[in-house]
Structures are given as C-alpha cells and as structure tokens.
Protein backbone atom coordinates (compact mmCIF):
# COMPACT_ATOMS: atom_id res chain seq x y z
CA UNK A 1 2.96 3.55 -11.46
CA UNK A 2 2.72 0.32 -9.83
CA UNK A 3 1.26 -0.22 -6.29
CA UNK A 4 2.91 -1.77 -3.67
CA UNK A 5 1.58 -4.79 -2.32
CA UNK A 6 2.37 -6.27 1.17
CA UNK A 7 1.56 -9.75 1.92
CA UNK A 8 1.44 -11.80 4.75
CA UNK A 9 2.51 -14.37 4.80
CA UNK A 10 0.43 -14.90 5.63
CA UNK A 11 -0.36 -12.57 3.06
CA UNK A 12 -0.09 -8.65 3.29
CA UNK A 13 -0.37 -6.54 -0.04
CA UNK A 14 -0.24 -2.92 -0.63
CA UNK A 15 -1.35 0.48 -1.80
CA UNK A 16 0.50 2.61 -4.15
CA UNK A 17 0.79 6.28 -4.34
CA UNK A 18 1.58 8.93 -6.49
CA UNK A 19 3.19 12.12 -5.85
CA UNK A 20 2.62 15.32 -7.61
CA UNK A 21 1.47 13.72 -9.85
CA UNK A 22 2.78 10.36 -10.20
CA UNK A 23 4.09 9.63 -6.75
CA UNK A 24 2.46 6.64 -4.98
CA UNK A 25 2.55 8.05 -1.30
CA UNK A 26 -0.25 6.74 0.52
CA UNK A 27 -1.05 6.83 3.76
CA UNK A 28 -3.73 4.35 4.26
CA UNK A 29 -6.44 5.31 6.84
CA UNK A 30 -9.17 3.16 8.59
CA UNK A 31 -12.43 4.48 8.37
CA UNK A 32 -12.97 4.56 11.91
CA UNK A 33 -9.42 4.90 13.49
CA UNK A 34 -6.49 5.82 11.16
CA UNK A 35 -5.25 2.40 9.77
CA UNK A 36 -2.99 1.42 7.56
CA UNK A 37 -2.12 0.80 4.04
CA UNK A 38 -3.05 0.18 1.63
CA UNK A 39 0.16 -1.31 1.39
CA UNK A 40 -0.21 -4.37 2.47
CA UNK A 41 2.16 -7.39 3.84
CA UNK A 42 1.65 -10.69 3.26
CA UNK A 43 0.49 -12.50 6.05
CA UNK A 44 -2.85 -12.90 3.77
CA UNK A 45 -1.66 -10.33 0.86
CA UNK A 46 -0.93 -5.11 -2.09
CA UNK A 47 -3.47 -4.61 -2.27
CA UNK A 48 -4.67 -6.47 2.53
CA UNK A 49 -3.23 -8.29 5.71
CA UNK A 50 -0.48 -8.04 7.49
CA UNK A 51 0.59 -10.70 9.23
CA UNK A 52 2.81 -13.62 9.37
CA UNK A 53 2.30 -15.59 12.31
CA UNK A 54 5.18 -18.12 13.66
CA UNK A 55 4.63 -21.48 13.02
CA UNK A 56 4.82 -23.48 15.85
CA UNK A 57 4.91 -26.82 14.16
CA UNK A 58 8.26 -26.82 13.41
CA UNK A 59 7.04 -28.27 9.84
CA UNK A 60 8.80 -27.10 6.34
CA UNK A 61 7.30 -24.27 4.48
CA UNK A 62 5.70 -25.53 1.58
CA UNK A 63 5.32 -21.82 -0.36
CA UNK A 64 1.39 -22.64 0.04
CA UNK A 65 -0.79 -19.67 0.35
CA UNK A 66 -1.48 -19.35 4.21
CA UNK A 67 -5.13 -19.73 4.87
CA UNK A 68 -4.84 -16.42 7.11
CA UNK A 69 -6.21 -18.66 10.11
CA UNK A 70 -2.73 -18.48 12.23
CA UNK A 71 -2.02 -22.08 11.16
CA UNK A 72 1.25 -22.88 9.53
CA UNK A 73 1.88 -22.35 5.76
CA UNK A 74 3.57 -24.70 3.63
CA UNK A 75 7.65 -25.48 3.40
CA UNK A 76 10.40 -25.09 1.36
CA UNK A 77 13.21 -27.74 1.22
CA UNK A 78 15.59 -27.88 4.50
CA UNK A 79 15.01 -29.11 7.71
CA UNK A 80 14.85 -26.22 9.97
CA UNK A 81 13.92 -27.52 13.51
CA UNK A 82 11.58 -26.19 16.30
CA UNK A 83 10.54 -22.77 15.88
CA UNK A 84 11.41 -19.87 18.29
CA UNK A 85 8.61 -17.94 20.46
CA UNK A 86 8.17 -14.62 19.86
CA UNK A 87 6.31 -12.69 22.14
CA UNK A 88 3.92 -10.84 19.10
CA UNK A 89 2.88 -12.01 16.19
CA UNK A 90 5.22 -9.53 14.48
CA UNK A 91 8.33 -9.93 16.42
CA UNK A 92 10.09 -7.68 13.38
CA UNK A 93 8.51 -5.97 10.52
CA UNK A 94 9.88 -4.22 7.96
CA UNK A 95 8.88 -0.75 8.99
CA UNK A 96 10.06 1.47 6.41
CA UNK A 97 12.22 1.75 3.30
CA UNK A 98 13.26 3.95 0.64
CA UNK A 99 14.15 2.21 -3.04
CA UNK A 100 15.62 5.52 -4.70
CA UNK A 101 17.83 7.75 -2.17
CA UNK A 102 19.49 10.31 -3.95
CA UNK A 103 19.86 12.66 -0.80
CA UNK A 104 17.03 11.87 1.32
CA UNK A 105 19.42 10.07 3.81
CA UNK A 106 23.06 10.68 4.11
CA UNK A 107 24.99 8.08 6.14
CA UNK A 108 28.15 8.79 8.77
CA UNK A 109 30.42 8.37 5.32
CA UNK A 110 28.32 10.85 3.72
CA UNK A 111 26.90 8.80 1.39
CA UNK A 112 23.46 8.39 0.05
CA UNK A 113 22.30 4.27 0.16
CA UNK A 114 18.88 3.00 -0.26
CA UNK A 115 17.67 1.68 3.04
CA UNK A 116 15.57 -0.66 4.79
CA UNK A 117 14.11 -0.05 8.74
CA UNK A 118 13.26 -3.22 10.73
CA UNK A 119 11.23 -2.45 13.85
CA UNK A 120 10.73 -4.62 17.23
CA UNK A 121 7.20 -3.82 18.71
CA UNK A 122 7.46 -6.03 21.42
CA UNK A 123 8.68 -5.53 24.96
CA UNK A 124 12.30 -7.79 24.81
CA UNK A 125 15.25 -7.52 22.29
CA UNK A 126 15.18 -9.59 19.18
CA UNK A 127 18.58 -10.88 18.04
CA UNK A 128 18.25 -11.90 14.30
CA UNK A 129 20.52 -14.87 14.08
CA UNK A 130 18.63 -17.14 11.83
CA UNK A 131 16.87 -14.44 10.25
CA UNK A 132 17.49 -13.55 6.31
CA UNK A 133 16.46 -10.49 4.50
CA UNK A 134 16.39 -10.70 0.52
CA UNK A 135 15.10 -9.31 -2.40
CA UNK A 136 15.37 -11.86 -4.52
CA UNK A 137 11.56 -12.93 -5.88
CA UNK A 138 12.22 -16.74 -5.32
CA UNK A 139 12.98 -16.03 -1.55
CA UNK A 140 9.35 -16.36 -1.05
CA UNK A 141 9.09 -20.11 -1.69
CA UNK A 142 12.77 -21.01 -1.08
CA UNK A 143 14.10 -20.47 2.28
CA UNK A 144 17.70 -21.08 1.67
CA UNK A 145 17.56 -17.34 -0.31
CA UNK A 146 18.29 -14.64 2.01
CA UNK A 147 21.20 -12.11 3.43
CA UNK A 148 21.73 -13.64 7.10
CA UNK A 149 21.18 -10.87 9.77
CA UNK A 150 22.99 -12.78 12.19
CA UNK A 151 24.58 -10.95 14.75
CA UNK A 152 22.40 -8.37 14.65
CA UNK A 153 19.58 -7.57 17.30
CA UNK A 154 16.46 -4.84 17.13
CA UNK A 155 15.98 -3.40 20.24
CA UNK A 156 12.49 -3.47 22.21
CA UNK A 157 10.45 -0.60 20.65
CA UNK A 158 13.55 -0.14 18.56
CA UNK A 159 14.66 0.46 15.16
CA UNK A 160 17.53 -1.18 12.89
CA UNK A 161 18.42 0.56 9.75
CA UNK A 162 20.24 -1.72 7.39
CA UNK A 163 21.97 0.04 4.20
CA UNK A 164 20.88 -1.66 0.60
CA UNK A 165 24.08 -0.98 -0.88
CA UNK A 166 25.97 -4.05 -1.68
CA UNK A 167 28.34 -3.69 1.09
CA UNK A 168 29.45 -6.01 3.56
CA UNK A 169 29.54 -6.23 7.85
CA UNK A 170 26.89 -5.42 10.01
CA UNK A 171 24.45 -2.78 9.47
CA UNK A 172 25.13 -3.37 5.28
CA UNK A 173 22.95 -6.04 3.11
CA UNK A 174 24.44 -7.31 0.00
CA UNK A 175 22.50 -6.30 -2.54
CA UNK A 176 20.76 -2.88 -3.55
CA UNK A 177 17.33 -1.39 -3.88
CA UNK A 178 15.84 -0.77 -7.25
CA UNK A 179 13.81 2.19 -8.02
CA UNK A 180 11.89 0.30 -10.47
CA UNK A 181 10.17 -1.85 -7.38
CA UNK A 182 11.08 -4.65 -4.95
CA UNK A 183 9.46 -8.02 -3.47
CA UNK A 184 11.26 -8.09 -0.12
CA UNK A 185 11.17 -11.49 1.84
CA UNK A 186 11.85 -11.36 5.84
CA UNK A 187 12.29 -14.87 7.10
CA UNK A 188 12.79 -15.56 10.60
CA UNK A 189 14.36 -18.99 11.78
CA UNK A 190 12.05 -22.30 10.90
CA UNK A 191 10.65 -20.41 7.44
CA UNK A 192 7.96 -18.13 8.78
CA UNK A 193 8.13 -15.02 6.14
CA UNK A 194 6.55 -11.75 5.64
CA UNK A 195 6.70 -10.37 2.55
CA UNK A 196 6.59 -6.55 0.74
CA UNK A 197 6.09 -5.80 -2.52
CA UNK A 198 6.34 -2.30 -3.98
CA UNK A 199 6.27 -0.69 -7.00
CA UNK A 200 8.23 2.02 -8.65
CA UNK A 201 9.15 4.52 -6.13
CA UNK A 202 10.51 8.61 -7.31
CA UNK A 203 13.60 9.79 -5.65
CA UNK A 204 13.78 10.36 -1.75
CA UNK A 205 10.48 9.07 -0.96
CA UNK A 206 9.82 6.35 1.69
CA UNK A 207 7.65 3.84 2.14
CA UNK A 208 6.87 3.46 5.75
CA UNK A 209 4.21 2.64 8.37
CA UNK A 210 2.10 4.87 10.57
CA UNK A 211 2.63 4.35 13.48
CA UNK A 212 5.66 2.24 14.01
CA UNK A 213 4.89 -1.78 13.74
CA UNK A 214 1.00 -1.12 12.91
CA UNK A 215 -0.77 -4.12 11.64
CA UNK A 216 -2.37 -4.30 8.27
CA UNK A 217 -5.81 -2.32 7.35
CA UNK A 218 -7.42 -5.79 7.64
CA UNK A 219 -7.50 -5.70 11.10
CA UNK A 220 -8.42 -1.70 11.33
CA UNK A 221 -5.04 -1.29 13.17
CA UNK A 222 -2.29 0.21 10.92
CA UNK A 223 -1.08 1.66 8.36
CA UNK A 224 1.41 2.05 5.43
CA UNK A 225 1.79 5.05 3.30
CA UNK A 226 4.67 7.22 1.38
CA UNK A 227 6.35 9.90 3.07
CA UNK A 228 8.98 12.70 1.45
CA UNK A 229 12.61 11.69 2.65
CA UNK A 230 11.10 9.36 5.64
CA UNK A 231 12.43 9.28 9.30
CA UNK A 232 15.25 6.36 8.83
CA UNK A 233 16.29 4.95 12.58
CA UNK A 234 13.16 7.01 14.05
CA UNK A 235 9.55 6.70 14.94
CA UNK A 236 7.45 7.35 12.29
CA UNK A 237 4.38 9.87 12.98
CA UNK A 238 1.21 10.58 11.36
CA UNK A 239 0.70 14.36 10.26
CA UNK A 240 -2.72 16.09 11.19
CA UNK A 241 -4.83 16.06 8.53
CA UNK A 242 -5.89 19.56 6.59
CA UNK A 243 -8.27 21.31 7.84
CA UNK A 244 -10.68 22.39 5.22
CA UNK A 245 -12.41 19.73 3.09
CA UNK A 246 -13.16 20.57 -0.37
CA UNK A 247 -15.11 16.93 -1.11
CA UNK A 248 -15.33 15.35 1.40
CA UNK A 249 -17.22 11.69 2.61
CA UNK A 250 -21.07 12.10 1.66
CA UNK A 251 -20.58 14.47 -1.64
CA UNK A 252 -22.39 13.74 -4.48
CA UNK A 253 -21.04 12.14 -7.48
CA UNK A 254 -22.15 11.35 -11.36
CA UNK A 255 -21.47 7.99 -11.97
CA UNK A 256 -21.59 5.29 -14.56
CA UNK A 257 -20.06 2.37 -16.44
CA UNK A 258 -16.94 3.80 -17.76
CA UNK A 259 -17.17 5.46 -21.71
CA UNK A 260 -14.36 4.34 -22.89
CA UNK A 261 -14.32 8.27 -25.36
CA UNK A 262 -11.05 10.15 -25.23
CA UNK A 263 -11.95 13.27 -22.86
CA UNK A 264 -14.15 12.11 -21.12
CA UNK A 265 -12.66 13.19 -17.89
CA UNK A 266 -12.78 17.19 -18.74
CA UNK A 267 -15.64 16.92 -21.14
CA UNK A 268 -18.59 19.65 -20.46
CA UNK A 269 -21.00 17.09 -20.28
CA UNK A 270 -21.63 13.82 -18.68
CA UNK A 271 -21.95 10.52 -20.95
CA UNK A 272 -25.60 9.36 -21.25
CA UNK A 273 -27.40 7.54 -19.02
CA UNK A 274 -25.01 8.58 -16.21
CA UNK A 275 -26.59 8.60 -12.71
CA UNK A 276 -25.97 10.79 -9.42
CA UNK A 277 -25.48 9.83 -5.47
CA UNK A 278 -23.74 10.59 -2.37
CA UNK A 279 -20.69 8.64 -1.67
CA UNK A 280 -19.65 5.67 -0.82
CA UNK A 281 -21.03 4.08 -3.86
CA UNK A 282 -20.19 0.73 -4.69
CA UNK A 283 -22.22 -2.71 -4.37
CA UNK A 284 -21.78 -5.94 -2.21
CA UNK A 285 -20.43 -3.60 0.91
CA UNK A 286 -22.59 -2.56 4.07
CA UNK A 287 -22.54 1.35 4.97
CA UNK A 288 -22.42 2.57 1.12
CA UNK A 289 -25.02 5.35 0.46
CA UNK A 290 -25.43 4.37 -3.22
CA UNK A 291 -25.81 1.21 -4.47
CA UNK A 292 -24.91 -0.26 -8.13
CA UNK A 293 -25.71 -2.77 -10.10
CA UNK A 294 -22.61 -4.57 -11.21
CA UNK A 295 -24.08 -6.91 -14.08
CA UNK A 296 -24.76 -10.58 -14.34
CA UNK A 297 -22.48 -12.54 -11.99
CA UNK A 298 -20.21 -13.93 -14.74
CA UNK A 299 -19.90 -11.02 -16.59
CA UNK A 300 -19.86 -7.68 -14.10
CA UNK A 301 -19.00 -4.50 -15.89
CA UNK A 302 -15.47 -4.24 -15.59
CA UNK A 303 -14.87 -0.49 -14.72
CA UNK A 304 -17.18 2.36 -13.31
CA UNK A 305 -16.05 6.04 -13.58
CA UNK A 306 -17.36 8.95 -11.84
CA UNK A 307 -16.88 12.89 -11.97
CA UNK A 308 -17.27 15.97 -9.61
CA UNK A 309 -16.49 19.65 -9.73
CA UNK A 310 -14.46 21.57 -7.24
CA UNK A 311 -14.40 25.46 -6.94
CA UNK A 312 -10.39 25.82 -6.11
CA UNK A 313 -8.95 28.91 -3.91
CA UNK A 314 -5.43 30.91 -3.86
CA UNK A 315 -3.00 30.37 -1.52
CA UNK A 316 -3.29 26.41 -0.69
CA UNK A 317 0.05 25.28 1.23
CA UNK A 318 -0.81 21.65 1.41
CA UNK A 319 -3.53 19.07 -0.68
CA UNK A 320 -4.30 15.73 0.27
CA UNK A 321 -6.21 13.18 -2.10
CA UNK A 322 -8.06 10.57 0.49
CA UNK A 323 -9.01 7.58 -1.48
CA UNK A 324 -11.45 4.55 -0.58
CA UNK A 325 -10.99 2.24 -3.26
CA UNK A 326 -12.20 -1.73 -4.18
CA UNK A 327 -10.33 -2.81 -7.00
CA UNK A 328 -7.87 -0.48 -9.06
CA UNK A 329 -8.39 3.52 -9.20
CA UNK A 330 -7.12 6.19 -11.16
CA UNK A 331 -7.70 9.93 -10.30
CA UNK A 332 -7.31 12.63 -12.71
CA UNK A 333 -7.84 16.43 -12.18
CA UNK A 334 -7.99 18.99 -15.15
CA UNK A 335 -7.11 16.27 -17.44
CA UNK A 336 -3.67 15.39 -15.36
CA UNK A 337 -3.30 11.97 -13.63
CA UNK A 338 -2.83 12.39 -9.88
CA UNK A 339 -2.31 9.09 -9.36
CA UNK A 340 -3.31 5.46 -10.31
CA UNK A 341 -3.27 2.16 -7.79
CA UNK A 342 -3.24 -1.63 -8.48
CA UNK A 343 -3.91 -0.73 -12.41
CA UNK A 344 -1.55 -1.26 -14.90
CA UNK A 345 0.84 1.53 -16.61
CA UNK A 346 -0.10 2.67 -20.18
CA UNK A 347 -3.47 3.54 -21.48
CA UNK A 348 -6.68 1.82 -19.85
CA UNK A 349 -10.02 1.17 -21.48
CA UNK A 350 -13.20 0.07 -20.25
CA UNK A 351 -12.54 -3.88 -20.59
CA UNK A 352 -9.24 -2.89 -18.00
CA UNK A 353 -8.85 -5.14 -15.11
CA UNK A 354 -7.04 -3.96 -11.61
CA UNK A 355 -3.73 -6.06 -11.41
CA UNK A 356 -4.43 -6.90 -7.77
CA UNK A 357 -7.84 -7.18 -5.10
CA UNK A 358 -8.71 -5.52 -2.43
CA UNK A 359 -9.79 -7.35 0.41
CA UNK A 360 -11.10 -7.22 4.22
CA UNK A 361 -10.57 -4.05 5.91
CA UNK A 362 -8.67 -2.44 2.87
CA UNK A 363 -12.16 -2.05 1.40
CA UNK A 364 -12.87 0.32 4.02
CA UNK A 365 -9.70 2.02 4.00
CA UNK A 366 -8.69 5.57 2.70
CA UNK A 367 -5.01 5.96 0.99
CA UNK A 368 -3.56 9.43 1.33
CA UNK A 369 -2.29 10.94 -1.66
CA UNK A 370 -0.26 14.66 -1.40
CA UNK A 371 -1.11 16.58 -4.31
CA UNK A 372 0.66 19.85 -5.43
CA UNK A 373 -1.69 22.53 -4.20
CA UNK A 374 -0.83 24.73 -7.01
CA UNK A 375 -3.23 22.24 -9.14
CA UNK A 376 -6.38 23.49 -7.24
CA UNK A 377 -6.07 27.30 -7.64
CA UNK A 378 -9.16 29.43 -8.24
CA UNK A 379 -11.55 28.47 -10.42
CA UNK A 380 -13.78 25.29 -11.06
CA UNK A 381 -12.12 22.19 -11.35
CA UNK A 382 -13.10 18.73 -12.77
CA UNK A 383 -12.23 15.42 -10.97
CA UNK A 384 -12.45 12.37 -12.82
CA UNK A 385 -12.01 8.84 -11.01
CA UNK A 386 -12.25 5.39 -12.63
CA UNK A 387 -12.04 2.35 -10.28
CA UNK A 388 -11.69 -1.17 -12.02
CA UNK A 389 -12.60 -4.74 -11.10
CA UNK A 390 -10.04 -7.22 -10.13
CA UNK A 391 -11.91 -9.91 -12.17
CA UNK A 392 -15.08 -10.13 -14.45
CA UNK A 393 -16.64 -12.30 -11.51
CA UNK A 394 -16.05 -9.69 -8.56
CA UNK A 395 -19.09 -9.18 -6.46
CA UNK A 396 -17.99 -5.76 -4.80
CA UNK A 397 -16.97 -2.39 -5.92
CA UNK A 398 -16.34 0.39 -3.68
CA UNK A 399 -15.79 4.46 -3.96
CA UNK A 400 -15.30 7.40 -1.96
CA UNK A 401 -13.00 10.48 -1.79
CA UNK A 402 -12.15 13.35 0.08
CA UNK A 403 -9.97 16.12 -0.93
CA UNK A 404 -8.61 17.81 1.94
CA UNK A 405 -6.62 21.01 1.61
CA UNK A 406 -5.35 24.21 4.00
C-alpha cells in the first residue's frame, strides 16, 4: 500500500489509507479543527501543503521545486503569456477521484468509468480554456503534456465530473486511471500547476477532500481522505466521529527502538529496555507528552515501535483508527496489518526508512482509517505500531493514536 502524496506546486504531498485491512482510506484531521490530509497536494508537497499560487510573473515554469513563499516556480519550455488573475489561491482543485471503479459509480450510459472531480471554491465560474489535466509523470515538468479542458466550466462553488475512460468529447478524458496509483497534474494557463500523487487503491474507494476545496493540513484548514463509493459530482461531507474511545490521546504506550524480531507485535513480553509514557510521544515537536532521544544528529535511530492492549466488545458497528505519525507508520492488531503509510511494500526491518517525509501542519494531523469492527470483538487485543524516519538525520518524530468505535 503506497501512501498518496499530494504535492503543492507549490507542492503538496499525501496520505495513504488502508481499508480493512489494507486499504488506505484516510481522512486527515487537524488536531484542533478537523483538517486535512494526510493526502498532500503539491504546492509545497504525501506527505503536505496544498497549493500552487498563481504565478503572476508570466515567466515559464522550469519545474524547480517551489519555495512555498508564493513566488513563481520555475519553467518548462514555451511562451505562455500573462497569467489570468483568479480570486483564490486554488481557482480549481482536484476534489475527489476514484482509480478503481467497479460499481461505485454508474454513468448515464450504464458504464462504470474511473473518474476525477474538479471543484471551484470561488464565487465566480471558472472557464477551463487553456487548462490541462494529465496522468503522465512527465507533465509535472513539461507544460506541453496534458489533456485540454477547453470548453468546460466549473461553476462557482460547484463541481465538474470527468470520466477517465480514454474517451473523447466533453466530460471525457483521453486516459484511464490505474488502480496501482497515479500522479496527476492539473495545470492552469501560464503553467501554474497542482499535482496529486496517490498509491494503489481498492475497488470503489474514492480519495476526496473533506470539505469541498479544503486546503492542505499545513495550513490547518483541510483534509484529504478516503471513502467507499465517494460522492461524484456532489458535496463531500465528514461523518461524525464514533462515540467510544477504546484508545485515546494521552493513553500510555510502551515503546523503544524497533527490535527486528519476528512476532514482536504479538509477543507476551515487551522487548528488553523499553520505556512507557503517555502519547503524543516523540521528539523535536512542541506539545508532546513523552519525549524520546532519537540518537546522534548524524545517525538517528531509524525506527521506533509502540505497543498497547485494548479490551474489545461485542456488537461493534463501526471502528476507526486515527493516526498521527511522522514520518512513515505501520499499524498491526493481533498480528494483522491494518494499514501502512509512507512505507514501502513488503517486509520491514529496524533500518527501513519511510518513502517520504511529513512536514508542517501534517505533523499535528490525524489520518482516519476505517477498520473492520469484527476485529475488536470481546477479549484482550494487542495493538502494535512502528514509526520510521524519513532520513538518517531527521530531528523529529511523532506518534499518537486513537481507536474510536460505536
């Protein structure tokens, strides 16, 4: 399961989600207000800033990373002329998409195309003449690549649904989406671009913003997450959180450097030398309740592991795992992997590094993963988490987890 990455071109990055037991369905919730993803959009970068401020210089785009200060990023080849003036930083956003539509959405012809939904958060209609949308990775740095959206209009505070079916004509994109993951680039006239990278997704699961047009978690405003079926062409809404906390913020966790021993997740005893303390746990961040020593500045401990027990109940109808992590994480319940985010597929060991980093407001944001409630039946259950750094010199690490049900 590969995390999704929203990059803001100014770059935003993302979050990945796992559905029972492997689907990444995450709603990123800010610690204070409910915020956004853990998906990321590139205006600054899956990890997480959503962005892309219109470039008012008229200069071509070189493809260089944006500094995130609102100045124009670099340029590709081609003279684009002056950029249009838009009323918001995000005149149009990729608001929702489904990479693997089996029967989650049926169009007027009775077909089941993959789809992308655009949203206009402004108070005036946005004509898409000169805009392009592409799933070609080369489009990130080459403005000449992309399917034209000429003739289409996204109404004010409204949605535009596009079928990614390889078709032609209004409302159809000349490419199909891959269930194995995509890197999408939405480019405005003049070259300003917004990119979204998402990893593999199961059938009939949508990645969406909660609420419509929300900004990235780095600004504490928005959220990208997953939902079964989605709401193509309609407003996105966040369901109320479950009412019972089986594990909540402030709960005690036992922890230490990951042991690299098979079966540590379900072992009766913790590895030798582990400590215990209340979450949030980590280093290099304000507001943590338990601080850990990451090791020398030039050789930080690559991974940290956490364990706790939780008493299950009978008759649960809904179960959600809320995860705050920096950088990559994997969660296991009774030996069953529930999700992994920003980590490579396959076996992990204590020296494994995350495949991306978490920055800014995303470090304080929670991603929500729906979990099969049958997994938390009556009896004592062991919950284990491993958090991996993004690099050997990373100076911060964060972990907290909530397990909510009803």
